[in-house]
Each structure stands twice: as C-alpha cells, then as structure tokens.
Amino acid sequence: MELKDILEAILFSSQKPLSAKELQDVLKQASEVGEGGSQDFSQTKAAAVTKALETLSEEIVQLKRPYHLVCVAGSWQFVTQTEYAPWVRAMVGIKNRPTRLSKPALETLAIIAYRQPITRAQMEEIRGVSVDGVIGTLTERELVEVVGRADVPGRPQTYGTTQIFLEYFGLRNLEELPDAEELRQVPISKPEAPVTTGEDDENLEQMALEEVTQAKANDASQLVKQVSEDGEEEEDYDEDDFEDDEDDEDDEDEEGFDDEEGEAVEEASQTP
C-alpha cells in the first residue's frame, strides 16, 4: 500500500479540503489504532505528504479522469472538470452565488494582491481615485483584511489578501498569481517623515528650546531682583519721611509750648 493511495482515500472521504499538516495528523491518529499496517506511516513528514499528493495529481491528469486533484489556499481537494458541470449542477441544484465583483473592485483587489501590504493612500495613488467604498466591499466579502500598520507618520492601516481570496480564484498561494511585472513596477510614494525626525533638526529644536527657557529664567530673575530693590527703596523712603515728620511735629509742639509759657509769665509780671 502506497502513501498516495491512502491520501487519495482520505480526500475522497473528507467533507472539506485538507492541508498537508492535517493529512499528517490523520496518519498519526490512524497509527494509534494499529490496524492494517497504519503504524508504517505514523512518522510521515508533511513534505512527504505534499510530494505524494503532487504525484497523485499528475497521475490523475494522465488518466484523463473527469476530476482532478488541486491545492487551493494550501489545502488539497478533488474537483470535477468544468465540462461535466451541467450534469453535476442538475444533481446538486443551482446555488445562489454571490454577486460578481465590479471592475473597480477587481482593479483594487489586483493592486492589493500584487503590492501587499499596502495602504489606502498608496492604492489611491495607483488608481487615481478614492477606494473607500471598494475597500469596504472587499472587506465584507472577506477577500482582503487589515494585516498591520505602516511604519510612517500616522501609522495608517495596511491591507492584504486572505485565504478566501486564494479559494475564490483557485490559487495554491500568491506565487501562482499571473505575471504582472508592470503592476509591480508602478512607483508609489511613501509619506514624508516629519521635519523634526532628523538628528540635526532635533538638535536645533532642542537648542532653541533651551535658549528660550534660559531667556525666560533670566527675565524672571531680573524682574524679581528689580521688584525687591524697588520695595527696599520705597520702604526706606517712607520710614525716613515718617521720622522727619515726627521730629518736625515735636519741634513745633515744643516751640509753641515755650512761646505760650513765656507770654503767660510776662503777663503775670506786669499785673499790679
């Protein structure tokens, strides 16, 4: 019994596509039961599983069977050849398919697929129009998603494709995208860095700040010193004036008292 035959039986019985890692786990679980020589494949590596599946896919193509084995979004599954679609459709019925993507949506999706991770501003730079509505549609259809933030001022979100995108277009991975070297070479600009990010600008800004701070400190100290000196001068002036005024008043009182007393003595002496 060969590995590719076991994998073919598993995929035929599976209700969903399986990755190489998932098939490897199935082989390990089967070995725990120990039936039918399953232990011989318990240590099979994922790389060996992938190689066996690729061999099986080539054999099916050579046999010209009405189905073929494909890997979509990293998972393997059997799919029917397109020429047998009428009979298969008659059996399973016609299912409601989602509406097709519009031309602007396809253009934006292609830009994201080939230039991811990419910001909205960069998409608009390539297309020349706003992509806000289109991004909303692609996000709702789960064809694109936010994958991070750009390392530029403002930290805008960056977008990339999803696993559903690969399934939608029947791709194993992004390397299977059609060649579009022209699209990859379209130049897109990055937001300019702020002027204060350079070392020279930082030093200049720092020096200017220090100078302003020092100037304010000097002005404040001079103002405090001036106010202190004015207060001392005003206080000394008032005390001197106050003392001079008191001395003058005392002198006037003493002179007035002496004059009155002298006149009184003189009048008393003249009285018979």
Protein backbone atom coordinates (compact mmCIF):
# COMPACT_ATOMS: atom_id res chain seq x y z
CA MET A 1 0.00 0.00 0.00
CA GLU A 2 1.43 3.33 -1.05
CA LEU A 3 1.13 6.67 0.70
CA LYS A 4 -0.54 8.36 -2.28
CA ASP A 5 -3.30 5.74 -2.32
CA ILE A 6 -4.01 6.30 1.38
CA LEU A 7 -4.14 10.06 0.86
CA GLU A 8 -6.50 9.63 -2.08
CA ALA A 9 -8.88 7.59 0.06
CA ILE A 10 -8.78 10.19 2.85
CA LEU A 11 -9.51 13.09 0.49
CA PHE A 12 -12.38 11.23 -1.18
CA SER A 13 -13.97 10.68 2.22
CA SER A 14 -13.33 14.19 3.54
CA GLN A 15 -16.09 16.78 3.54
CA LYS A 16 -13.65 19.66 3.25
CA PRO A 17 -10.21 20.40 1.76
CA LEU A 18 -7.30 19.22 3.90
CA SER A 19 -3.81 20.67 4.22
CA ALA A 20 -0.63 18.59 4.31
CA LYS A 21 -0.42 19.16 8.06
CA GLU A 22 -4.00 17.95 8.58
CA LEU A 23 -3.33 14.84 6.49
CA GLN A 24 -0.22 14.19 8.54
CA ASP A 25 -2.29 14.35 11.73
CA VAL A 26 -4.77 11.83 10.26
CA LEU A 27 -1.92 9.42 9.60
CA LYS A 28 -0.71 9.75 13.19
CA GLN A 29 -4.20 9.17 14.61
CA ALA A 30 -4.63 6.08 12.46
CA SER A 31 -1.34 4.67 13.74
CA GLU A 32 -2.63 4.82 17.33
CA VAL A 33 -5.33 2.28 16.42
CA GLY A 34 -2.74 -0.01 14.87
CA GLU A 35 -4.92 -1.54 12.18
CA GLY A 36 -3.90 -2.58 8.66
CA GLY A 37 -0.29 -1.52 8.93
CA SER A 38 -1.19 2.08 9.73
CA GLN A 39 1.83 2.35 12.00
CA ASP A 40 4.09 2.29 8.95
CA PHE A 41 3.00 5.84 8.09
CA SER A 42 2.90 7.33 11.60
CA GLN A 43 6.17 9.25 11.16
CA THR A 44 5.39 10.63 7.71
CA LYS A 45 6.55 14.23 7.29
CA ALA A 46 4.43 16.98 5.82
CA ALA A 47 6.91 17.38 2.95
CA ALA A 48 6.47 13.71 2.05
CA VAL A 49 2.69 14.13 2.11
CA THR A 50 2.91 17.07 -0.28
CA LYS A 51 5.19 15.20 -2.65
CA ALA A 52 2.86 12.18 -2.71
CA LEU A 53 -0.14 14.41 -3.45
CA GLU A 54 1.66 16.11 -6.34
CA THR A 55 2.49 12.69 -7.79
CA LEU A 56 -1.13 11.63 -7.43
CA SER A 57 -2.32 14.81 -9.14
CA GLU A 58 -0.07 14.15 -12.15
CA GLU A 59 -1.30 10.57 -12.43
CA ILE A 60 -4.95 11.65 -12.43
CA VAL A 61 -4.25 14.11 -15.24
CA GLN A 62 -2.57 11.39 -17.30
CA LEU A 63 -5.53 9.07 -16.74
CA LYS A 64 -7.88 11.80 -18.02
CA ARG A 65 -10.37 11.28 -15.25
CA PRO A 66 -13.48 13.57 -15.01
CA TYR A 67 -11.98 15.08 -11.87
CA HIS A 68 -8.57 16.26 -10.80
CA LEU A 69 -6.68 16.92 -7.58
CA VAL A 70 -5.83 20.54 -6.82
CA CYS A 71 -4.33 22.52 -3.98
CA VAL A 72 -6.26 25.71 -3.21
CA ALA A 73 -5.14 28.08 -0.46
CA GLY A 74 -2.78 25.44 0.89
CA SER A 75 -5.43 22.69 1.10
CA TRP A 76 -5.96 19.70 -1.21
CA GLN A 77 -9.28 18.60 -2.70
CA PHE A 78 -10.83 16.80 -5.64
CA VAL A 79 -12.78 18.95 -8.09
CA THR A 80 -14.84 17.99 -11.14
CA GLN A 81 -13.71 19.00 -14.60
CA THR A 82 -15.62 22.00 -15.93
CA GLU A 83 -17.03 20.11 -18.94
CA TYR A 84 -19.05 17.91 -16.58
CA ALA A 85 -20.68 20.89 -14.86
CA PRO A 86 -24.19 20.53 -16.44
CA TRP A 87 -24.72 17.04 -15.01
CA VAL A 88 -23.27 17.88 -11.62
CA ARG A 89 -25.39 21.03 -11.47
CA ALA A 90 -28.50 19.02 -12.28
CA MET A 91 -27.76 16.73 -9.36
CA VAL A 92 -26.85 19.26 -6.68
CA GLY A 93 -29.07 22.08 -7.91
CA ILE A 94 -28.21 25.71 -8.61
CA LYS A 95 -26.92 27.54 -5.57
CA ASN A 96 -27.11 31.28 -5.11
CA ARG A 97 -23.70 32.64 -5.83
CA PRO A 98 -22.51 36.00 -4.50
CA THR A 99 -22.66 38.89 -6.91
CA ARG A 100 -19.65 39.33 -9.09
CA LEU A 101 -17.07 41.93 -8.25
CA SER A 102 -17.27 45.19 -10.13
CA LYS A 103 -14.43 46.43 -12.30
CA PRO A 104 -13.22 48.99 -9.69
CA ALA A 105 -13.29 46.25 -7.05
CA LEU A 106 -11.25 43.90 -9.23
CA GLU A 107 -8.75 46.64 -10.01
CA THR A 108 -8.30 47.47 -6.34
CA LEU A 109 -8.10 43.78 -5.42
CA ALA A 110 -5.38 43.26 -8.03
CA ILE A 111 -3.40 46.18 -6.61
CA ILE A 112 -3.64 44.73 -3.10
CA ALA A 113 -2.72 41.22 -4.28
CA TYR A 114 0.42 42.32 -6.10
CA ARG A 115 1.57 45.15 -3.80
CA GLN A 116 0.55 43.94 -0.34
CA PRO A 117 0.94 45.12 2.35
CA ILE A 118 -0.34 48.44 1.05
CA THR A 119 -2.15 51.46 2.50
CA ARG A 120 -5.27 53.15 1.17
CA ALA A 121 -3.28 56.23 0.16
CA GLN A 122 -0.95 54.08 -1.95
CA MET A 123 -3.92 52.34 -3.62
CA GLU A 124 -5.44 55.71 -4.46
CA GLU A 125 -2.10 56.90 -5.80
CA ILE A 126 -2.03 54.00 -8.27
CA ARG A 127 -5.73 54.12 -9.25
CA GLY A 128 -6.10 57.89 -9.10
CA VAL A 129 -9.48 57.73 -7.33
CA SER A 130 -10.80 57.08 -3.83
CA VAL A 131 -11.02 53.45 -2.74
CA ASP A 132 -13.01 53.82 0.49
CA GLY A 133 -16.19 52.19 -0.83
CA VAL A 134 -14.32 49.45 -2.67
CA ILE A 135 -12.27 48.55 0.42
CA GLY A 136 -15.48 48.19 2.39
CA THR A 137 -16.90 45.78 -0.20
CA LEU A 138 -13.74 43.68 -0.37
CA THR A 139 -13.54 43.53 3.42
CA GLU A 140 -17.18 42.42 3.71
CA ARG A 141 -16.53 39.67 1.17
CA GLU A 142 -13.52 38.64 3.28
CA LEU A 143 -11.22 38.90 0.29
CA VAL A 144 -8.92 41.43 2.00
CA GLU A 145 -8.13 42.23 5.59
CA VAL A 146 -6.03 44.56 7.71
CA VAL A 147 -2.60 42.96 8.11
CA GLY A 148 -0.79 45.66 10.08
CA ARG A 149 0.21 49.32 10.16
CA ALA A 150 2.74 51.15 8.03
CA ASP A 151 5.87 52.46 9.74
CA VAL A 152 5.21 56.06 8.69
CA PRO A 153 3.73 59.12 10.42
CA GLY A 154 0.10 58.47 11.34
CA ARG A 155 0.57 54.68 11.31
CA PRO A 156 -2.05 54.02 8.56
CA GLN A 157 -3.51 50.53 8.24
CA THR A 158 -2.11 48.19 5.61
CA TYR A 159 -4.18 45.65 3.68
CA GLY A 160 -3.51 42.18 2.28
CA THR A 161 -5.41 39.26 0.78
CA THR A 162 -6.97 36.40 2.75
CA GLN A 163 -7.26 32.63 2.41
CA ILE A 164 -10.73 33.14 0.96
CA PHE A 165 -9.12 35.20 -1.80
CA LEU A 166 -7.00 32.19 -2.77
CA GLU A 167 -10.06 29.92 -2.70
CA TYR A 168 -12.11 32.40 -4.72
CA PHE A 169 -9.55 32.40 -7.55
CA GLY A 170 -8.42 28.77 -7.13
CA LEU A 171 -4.81 29.58 -6.22
CA ARG A 172 -2.48 27.49 -4.10
CA ASN A 173 -0.61 30.59 -2.92
CA LEU A 174 0.23 34.11 -4.07
CA GLU A 175 3.13 32.82 -6.15
CA GLU A 176 0.60 31.39 -8.59
CA LEU A 177 -0.75 34.84 -9.44
CA PRO A 178 -0.41 35.66 -13.14
CA ASP A 179 2.70 37.61 -14.03
CA ALA A 180 2.07 41.35 -13.72
CA GLU A 181 5.53 42.86 -13.64
CA GLU A 182 4.19 46.15 -14.95
CA LEU A 183 1.85 46.50 -11.98
CA ARG A 184 4.63 45.63 -9.55
CA GLN A 185 6.84 48.35 -11.03
CA VAL A 186 4.30 51.17 -10.68
CA PRO A 187 6.06 53.60 -8.32
CA ILE A 188 4.25 54.62 -5.19
CA SER A 189 5.48 57.28 -2.80
CA LYS A 190 5.70 56.97 0.93
CA PRO A 191 4.55 59.76 3.29
CA GLU A 192 7.34 62.18 4.06
CA ALA A 193 8.85 61.97 7.51
CA PRO A 194 8.26 64.96 9.82
CA VAL A 195 10.99 67.60 9.75
CA THR A 196 11.81 67.02 13.40
CA THR A 197 12.85 63.41 12.91
CA GLY A 198 16.36 64.21 11.66
CA GLU A 199 19.26 64.42 14.10
CA ASP A 200 20.17 67.94 13.00
CA ASP A 201 16.60 69.14 13.35
CA GLU A 202 16.31 67.56 16.78
CA ASN A 203 19.50 69.30 17.94
CA LEU A 204 18.34 72.62 16.55
CA GLU A 205 14.95 72.30 18.16
CA GLN A 206 16.49 71.27 21.45
CA MET A 207 18.94 74.22 21.43
CA ALA A 208 16.18 76.63 20.60
CA LEU A 209 14.10 75.30 23.46
CA GLU A 210 16.99 75.61 25.89
CA GLU A 211 17.65 79.16 24.78
CA VAL A 212 14.04 80.15 25.23
CA THR A 213 13.91 78.52 28.66
CA GLN A 214 17.13 80.24 29.75
CA ALA A 215 15.90 83.60 28.49
CA LYS A 216 12.66 83.21 30.41
CA ALA A 217 14.58 82.27 33.54
CA ASN A 218 16.86 85.29 33.18
CA ASP A 219 13.93 87.64 32.65
CA ALA A 220 12.13 86.22 35.67
CA SER A 221 15.20 86.59 37.92
CA GLN A 222 15.79 90.16 36.77
CA LEU A 223 12.16 91.02 37.40
CA VAL A 224 12.29 89.57 40.91
CA LYS A 225 15.51 91.46 41.65
CA GLN A 226 14.08 94.74 40.36
CA VAL A 227 10.91 94.35 42.40
CA SER A 228 12.97 93.60 45.52
CA GLU A 229 15.14 96.69 45.03
CA ASP A 230 12.12 98.94 44.42
CA GLY A 231 10.47 97.63 47.55
CA GLU A 232 13.52 98.34 49.70
CA GLU A 233 13.91 101.87 48.34
CA GLU A 234 10.26 102.67 48.87
CA GLU A 235 10.35 101.26 52.41
CA ASP A 236 13.44 103.30 53.35
CA TYR A 237 11.95 106.46 51.91
CA ASP A 238 8.74 106.11 53.86
CA GLU A 239 10.49 105.43 57.16
CA ASP A 240 12.76 108.46 56.77
CA ASP A 241 9.88 110.71 55.85
CA PHE A 242 7.88 109.37 58.73
CA GLU A 243 10.73 110.03 61.17
CA ASP A 244 11.33 113.52 59.78
CA ASP A 245 7.67 114.36 60.07
CA GLU A 246 7.56 113.18 63.67
CA ASP A 247 10.66 115.22 64.56
CA ASP A 248 9.20 118.34 62.94
CA GLU A 249 5.92 117.95 64.78
CA ASP A 250 7.71 117.52 68.13
CA ASP A 251 9.81 120.63 67.48
CA GLU A 252 6.75 122.65 66.56
CA ASP A 253 4.93 121.48 69.72
CA GLU A 254 7.88 122.37 71.93
CA GLU A 255 8.30 125.82 70.36
CA GLY A 256 4.62 126.57 70.69
CA PHE A 257 4.59 125.48 74.32
CA ASP A 258 7.62 127.66 75.15
CA ASP A 259 6.14 130.75 73.49
CA GLU A 260 2.87 130.43 75.30
CA GLU A 261 4.58 129.83 78.62
CA GLY A 262 6.81 132.91 78.12
CA GLU A 263 3.86 135.16 77.31
CA ALA A 264 1.99 133.92 80.36
CA VAL A 265 4.94 134.69 82.65
CA GLU A 266 5.35 138.13 81.12
CA GLU A 267 1.67 139.00 81.61
CA ALA A 268 1.77 137.83 85.20
CA SER A 269 4.75 140.04 85.96
CA GLN A 270 3.06 143.13 84.55
CA THR A 271 -0.08 142.66 86.56
CA PRO A 272 -0.21 145.02 89.61
